[in-house]
Amino acid sequence: MLKNIDRKYESKICYQTKTDIFRLFTLIEPKNIKVVIIGKDPYPYHESSKRICDISQS
């Protein structure tokens, strides 16, 4: 997976820096993570690519 990420960063415009793509795991204890959804979202602006989805507790 990491090699594929490296290839994408070499060949495409990627709005989130490589150091930020797994930033979630530094903000939340891994034991508290229930689900991680990895997807391809269109980011119209570079600034909008730095969000983490809303977290709801129910």
Protein backbone atom coordinates (compact mmCIF):
# COMPACT_ATOMS: atom_id res chain seq x y z
CA MET A 1 0.00 0.00 0.00
CA LEU A 2 2.76 2.48 0.87
CA LYS A 3 4.53 1.85 -2.43
CA ASN A 4 1.28 2.58 -4.25
CA ILE A 5 0.93 5.84 -2.30
CA ASP A 6 4.48 6.81 -3.28
CA ARG A 7 3.70 6.15 -6.96
CA LYS A 8 0.55 8.28 -6.80
CA TYR A 9 2.42 11.19 -5.24
CA GLU A 10 5.07 10.95 -7.96
CA SER A 11 2.59 10.88 -10.85
CA LYS A 12 -0.47 12.87 -9.70
CA ILE A 13 -1.38 16.10 -7.97
CA CYS A 14 -2.20 15.14 -4.38
CA TYR A 15 -3.69 17.86 -2.21
CA GLN A 16 -2.89 16.36 1.14
CA THR A 17 0.76 16.00 2.06
CA LYS A 18 2.06 12.46 2.46
CA THR A 19 2.78 13.15 6.10
CA ASP A 20 -0.88 14.07 6.69
CA ILE A 21 -2.69 11.15 5.08
CA PHE A 22 -2.57 9.07 8.26
CA ARG A 23 -2.75 12.07 10.64
CA LEU A 24 -5.98 10.73 12.13
CA PHE A 25 -4.00 8.07 13.96
CA THR A 26 -2.02 10.73 15.82
CA LEU A 27 -5.17 12.55 16.92
CA ILE A 28 -7.19 9.60 18.18
CA GLU A 29 -6.06 6.60 20.19
CA PRO A 30 -6.15 3.58 17.86
CA LYS A 31 -8.09 1.60 20.47
CA ASN A 32 -10.92 4.17 20.22
CA ILE A 33 -11.28 3.90 16.44
CA LYS A 34 -14.23 1.76 15.39
CA VAL A 35 -14.30 2.37 11.62
CA VAL A 36 -11.97 3.97 9.10
CA ILE A 37 -13.42 4.82 5.71
CA ILE A 38 -10.85 5.46 3.03
CA GLY A 39 -12.21 6.97 -0.11
CA LYS A 40 -11.59 9.25 -2.99
CA ASP A 41 -13.13 12.67 -2.43
CA PRO A 42 -12.94 15.59 -4.84
CA TYR A 43 -11.23 18.49 -3.12
CA PRO A 44 -11.98 21.74 -4.94
CA TYR A 45 -9.37 23.62 -2.91
CA HIS A 46 -6.10 22.56 -1.32
CA GLU A 47 -7.28 23.82 2.09
CA SER A 48 -10.36 21.59 2.10
CA SER A 49 -8.28 18.41 1.91
CA LYS A 50 -7.15 18.69 5.53
CA ARG A 51 -10.44 17.84 7.21
CA ILE A 52 -11.30 14.86 9.31
CA CYS A 53 -14.89 13.68 9.11
CA ASP A 54 -17.29 14.47 11.90
CA ILE A 55 -17.26 12.12 14.82
CA SER A 56 -20.52 11.31 16.53
CA GLN A 57 -20.96 9.31 19.65
CA SER A 58 -24.27 7.58 20.15
